[in-house]
Amino acid sequence: MSEVRSLGKSLTSAPFYNNMNPICLQLAVKFQGNNFIIGLVRYRGKYDDATNEITTTQDFSITIHAFGKNGKQKKLILPDFNFTIPHSEMFGKGKGALINNGEIPSLTIDGYANIHCFFNNTI
C-alpha cells in the first residue's frame, strides 16, 4: 500500500485466468485523489488472437473482498464492464472500486492489503 502511494503509479499483478472461462485478467491498484482504487483489466492471454481487437465473450461480475485489522472487511462489487482490447494492444480499459482515505488504515495490515477476487456468472 505504501509503495503504491509513494510511487504514484498503478501496480499490476501477474496475468491470471478466472475459473469460469479463458478470459485473462490483471489486478491493478493505484492511488488517485487520496483514495485507493482496486480494479481489474482485461489482458491479452494465451487463448486470444495476437493482434486483432478482442471483445466481450461472456458476462460476469467480480466481487472483491478486502480484509483488514480486527475482522474489518469491505466488499467491492465491480459491475459488468467493457472487456474490449484494442487492435495490437496487450490490455484494455479496466473497472475499479475505491476505498476512501478514511478506511485505508483499518483495511490494511502493516501497509499491505489482503484482497480476494470472486467471479460470478451473470448468465
C-alpha atoms as a PDB file:
ATOM      1  CA  MET A   1       0.000   0.000   0.000  1.00  0.00           C
ATOM      2  CA  SER A   2       2.706   2.488   0.967  1.00  0.00           C
ATOM      3  CA  GLU A   3       4.661   1.507  -2.154  1.00  0.00           C
ATOM      4  CA  VAL A   4       1.677   2.313  -4.369  1.00  0.00           C
ATOM      5  CA  ARG A   5       1.127   5.618  -2.562  1.00  0.00           C
ATOM      6  CA  SER A   6       4.783   6.711  -2.681  1.00  0.00           C
ATOM      7  CA  LEU A   7       5.382   5.676  -6.314  1.00  0.00           C
ATOM      8  CA  GLY A   8       2.268   7.478  -7.506  1.00  0.00           C
ATOM      9  CA  LYS A   9       1.583   4.976 -10.265  1.00  0.00           C
ATOM     10  CA  SER A  10      -0.530   1.880 -10.635  1.00  0.00           C
ATOM     11  CA  LEU A  11       0.832  -1.571  -9.950  1.00  0.00           C
ATOM     12  CA  THR A  12      -0.493  -4.747 -11.541  1.00  0.00           C
ATOM     13  CA  SER A  13      -0.427  -8.405 -10.642  1.00  0.00           C
ATOM     14  CA  ALA A  14       0.811 -11.144 -12.906  1.00  0.00           C
ATOM     15  CA  PRO A  15      -1.811 -12.026 -15.545  1.00  0.00           C
ATOM     16  CA  PHE A  16      -4.202 -14.771 -14.423  1.00  0.00           C
ATOM     17  CA  TYR A  17      -7.273 -16.629 -15.677  1.00  0.00           C
ATOM     18  CA  ASN A  18     -10.557 -16.778 -13.818  1.00  0.00           C
ATOM     19  CA  ASN A  19     -12.191 -20.109 -13.012  1.00  0.00           C
ATOM     20  CA  MET A  20     -15.162 -19.668 -15.365  1.00  0.00           C
ATOM     21  CA  ASN A  21     -13.745 -19.042 -18.838  1.00  0.00           C
ATOM     22  CA  PRO A  22     -10.433 -18.388 -20.595  1.00  0.00           C
ATOM     23  CA  ILE A  23     -10.503 -14.616 -20.045  1.00  0.00           C
ATOM     24  CA  CYS A  24      -7.111 -13.354 -18.891  1.00  0.00           C
ATOM     25  CA  LEU A  25      -7.117 -10.538 -16.314  1.00  0.00           C
ATOM     26  CA  GLN A  26      -4.772  -8.452 -14.194  1.00  0.00           C
ATOM     27  CA  LEU A  27      -5.488  -6.973 -10.800  1.00  0.00           C
ATOM     28  CA  ALA A  28      -4.461  -3.309 -10.699  1.00  0.00           C
ATOM     29  CA  VAL A  29      -4.139  -0.923  -7.749  1.00  0.00           C
ATOM     30  CA  LYS A  30      -3.373   2.786  -7.577  1.00  0.00           C
ATOM     31  CA  PHE A  31      -3.904   5.924  -5.525  1.00  0.00           C
ATOM     32  CA  GLN A  32      -5.983   8.657  -7.078  1.00  0.00           C
ATOM     33  CA  GLY A  33      -7.248  11.715  -5.273  1.00  0.00           C
ATOM     34  CA  ASN A  34      -6.032  10.284  -1.939  1.00  0.00           C
ATOM     35  CA  ASN A  35      -8.195   7.165  -2.432  1.00  0.00           C
ATOM     36  CA  PHE A  36      -7.038   3.602  -3.035  1.00  0.00           C
ATOM     37  CA  ILE A  37      -8.518   2.110  -6.211  1.00  0.00           C
ATOM     38  CA  ILE A  38      -8.669  -1.649  -6.781  1.00  0.00           C
ATOM     39  CA  GLY A  39      -9.645  -2.878 -10.201  1.00  0.00           C
ATOM     40  CA  LEU A  40      -9.320  -5.424 -12.941  1.00  0.00           C
ATOM     41  CA  VAL A  41      -8.163  -5.003 -16.514  1.00  0.00           C
ATOM     42  CA  ARG A  42      -8.662  -7.440 -19.387  1.00  0.00           C
ATOM     43  CA  TYR A  43      -5.283  -8.739 -20.532  1.00  0.00           C
ATOM     44  CA  ARG A  44      -4.447 -10.438 -23.837  1.00  0.00           C
ATOM     45  CA  GLY A  45      -3.851 -14.059 -22.830  1.00  0.00           C
ATOM     46  CA  LYS A  46      -2.623 -17.226 -24.474  1.00  0.00           C
ATOM     47  CA  TYR A  47      -6.089 -18.087 -25.844  1.00  0.00           C
ATOM     48  CA  ASP A  48      -6.528 -14.685 -27.537  1.00  0.00           C
ATOM     49  CA  ASP A  49      -5.624 -13.652 -31.060  1.00  0.00           C
ATOM     50  CA  ALA A  50      -2.244 -11.910 -31.016  1.00  0.00           C
ATOM     51  CA  THR A  51      -3.267  -8.698 -32.815  1.00  0.00           C
ATOM     52  CA  ASN A  52      -6.991  -8.392 -33.580  1.00  0.00           C
ATOM     53  CA  GLU A  53      -9.458  -6.488 -31.421  1.00  0.00           C
ATOM     54  CA  ILE A  54     -10.927  -8.589 -28.602  1.00  0.00           C
ATOM     55  CA  THR A  55     -14.499  -8.093 -27.459  1.00  0.00           C
ATOM     56  CA  THR A  56     -16.515  -9.423 -24.544  1.00  0.00           C
ATOM     57  CA  THR A  57     -17.100 -13.165 -24.787  1.00  0.00           C
ATOM     58  CA  GLN A  58     -19.069 -13.835 -21.584  1.00  0.00           C
ATOM     59  CA  ASP A  59     -20.671 -11.593 -18.990  1.00  0.00           C
ATOM     60  CA  PHE A  60     -19.729 -11.993 -15.363  1.00  0.00           C
ATOM     61  CA  SER A  61     -19.401  -9.776 -12.340  1.00  0.00           C
ATOM     62  CA  ILE A  62     -16.493  -9.548  -9.960  1.00  0.00           C
ATOM     63  CA  THR A  63     -16.671  -9.194  -6.192  1.00  0.00           C
ATOM     64  CA  ILE A  64     -13.518  -8.131  -4.382  1.00  0.00           C
ATOM     65  CA  HIS A  65     -13.190  -8.644  -0.633  1.00  0.00           C
ATOM     66  CA  ALA A  66     -10.626  -6.522   1.202  1.00  0.00           C
ATOM     67  CA  PHE A  67      -9.723  -7.872   4.652  1.00  0.00           C
ATOM     68  CA  GLY A  68      -8.133  -5.667   7.308  1.00  0.00           C
ATOM     69  CA  LYS A  69      -7.489  -5.383  11.023  1.00  0.00           C
ATOM     70  CA  ASN A  70      -9.726  -6.891  13.715  1.00  0.00           C
ATOM     71  CA  GLY A  71     -12.003  -8.631  11.236  1.00  0.00           C
ATOM     72  CA  LYS A  72     -12.695  -5.460   9.251  1.00  0.00           C
ATOM     73  CA  GLN A  73     -13.827  -6.313   5.747  1.00  0.00           C
ATOM     74  CA  LYS A  74     -15.159  -4.422   2.760  1.00  0.00           C
ATOM     75  CA  LYS A  75     -16.932  -5.948  -0.208  1.00  0.00           C
ATOM     76  CA  LEU A  76     -16.436  -4.165  -3.523  1.00  0.00           C
ATOM     77  CA  ILE A  77     -18.579  -5.184  -6.477  1.00  0.00           C
ATOM     78  CA  LEU A  78     -17.359  -4.401  -9.972  1.00  0.00           C
ATOM     79  CA  PRO A  79     -20.323  -4.305 -12.328  1.00  0.00           C
ATOM     80  CA  ASP A  80     -20.069  -5.555 -15.882  1.00  0.00           C
ATOM     81  CA  PHE A  81     -17.576  -3.536 -17.860  1.00  0.00           C
ATOM     82  CA  ASN A  82     -16.117  -3.391 -21.326  1.00  0.00           C
ATOM     83  CA  PHE A  83     -13.659  -6.262 -21.854  1.00  0.00           C
ATOM     84  CA  THR A  84     -12.578  -4.984 -25.268  1.00  0.00           C
ATOM     85  CA  ILE A  85      -8.857  -4.883 -26.034  1.00  0.00           C
ATOM     86  CA  PRO A  86      -7.987  -2.599 -28.945  1.00  0.00           C
ATOM     87  CA  HIS A  87      -6.138  -3.841 -32.005  1.00  0.00           C
ATOM     88  CA  SER A  88      -2.433  -4.565 -31.272  1.00  0.00           C
ATOM     89  CA  GLU A  89      -2.681  -3.639 -27.544  1.00  0.00           C
ATOM     90  CA  MET A  90      -1.853  -6.010 -24.669  1.00  0.00           C
ATOM     91  CA  PHE A  91      -4.621  -4.849 -22.323  1.00  0.00           C
ATOM     92  CA  GLY A  92      -7.863  -2.914 -22.354  1.00  0.00           C
ATOM     93  CA  LYS A  93      -9.562  -0.481 -20.019  1.00  0.00           C
ATOM     94  CA  GLY A  94     -10.370  -1.672 -16.540  1.00  0.00           C
ATOM     95  CA  LYS A  95     -13.040  -1.096 -13.971  1.00  0.00           C
ATOM     96  CA  GLY A  96     -12.290  -0.272 -10.378  1.00  0.00           C
ATOM     97  CA  ALA A  97     -13.811   0.324  -6.988  1.00  0.00           C
ATOM     98  CA  LEU A  98     -12.386   2.653  -4.422  1.00  0.00           C
ATOM     99  CA  ILE A  99     -11.535   2.543  -0.758  1.00  0.00           C
ATOM    100  CA  ASN A 100     -11.685   6.050   0.645  1.00  0.00           C
ATOM    101  CA  ASN A 101      -8.797   7.537   2.576  1.00  0.00           C
ATOM    102  CA  GLY A 102     -10.505   7.142   5.978  1.00  0.00           C
ATOM    103  CA  GLU A 103     -10.930   3.368   5.509  1.00  0.00           C
ATOM    104  CA  ILE A 104      -7.347   2.644   4.449  1.00  0.00           C
ATOM    105  CA  PRO A 105      -5.847   2.225   7.965  1.00  0.00           C
ATOM    106  CA  SER A 106      -8.487  -0.325   9.016  1.00  0.00           C
ATOM    107  CA  LEU A 107      -8.325  -2.265   5.726  1.00  0.00           C
ATOM    108  CA  THR A 108      -4.547  -2.694   5.663  1.00  0.00           C
ATOM    109  CA  ILE A 109      -2.158  -4.568   7.918  1.00  0.00           C
ATOM    110  CA  ASP A 110       1.378  -3.184   8.154  1.00  0.00           C
ATOM    111  CA  GLY A 111       0.871  -1.359   4.851  1.00  0.00           C
ATOM    112  CA  TYR A 112      -0.386  -4.435   2.969  1.00  0.00           C
ATOM    113  CA  ALA A 113      -3.850  -5.093   1.570  1.00  0.00           C
ATOM    114  CA  ASN A 114      -5.291  -8.621   1.673  1.00  0.00           C
ATOM    115  CA  ILE A 115      -7.599  -8.925  -1.357  1.00  0.00           C
ATOM    116  CA  HIS A 116      -9.640 -11.859  -2.684  1.00  0.00           C
ATOM    117  CA  CYS A 117     -11.497 -11.835  -6.034  1.00  0.00           C
ATOM    118  CA  PHE A 118     -14.667 -13.841  -6.702  1.00  0.00           C
ATOM    119  CA  PHE A 119     -16.107 -14.282 -10.187  1.00  0.00           C
ATOM    120  CA  ASN A 120     -19.884 -14.635 -10.542  1.00  0.00           C
ATOM    121  CA  ASN A 121     -21.583 -15.837 -13.673  1.00  0.00           C
ATOM    122  CA  THR A 122     -24.381 -13.439 -14.653  1.00  0.00           C
ATOM    123  CA  ILE A 123     -25.883 -15.509 -17.458  1.00  0.00           C
END
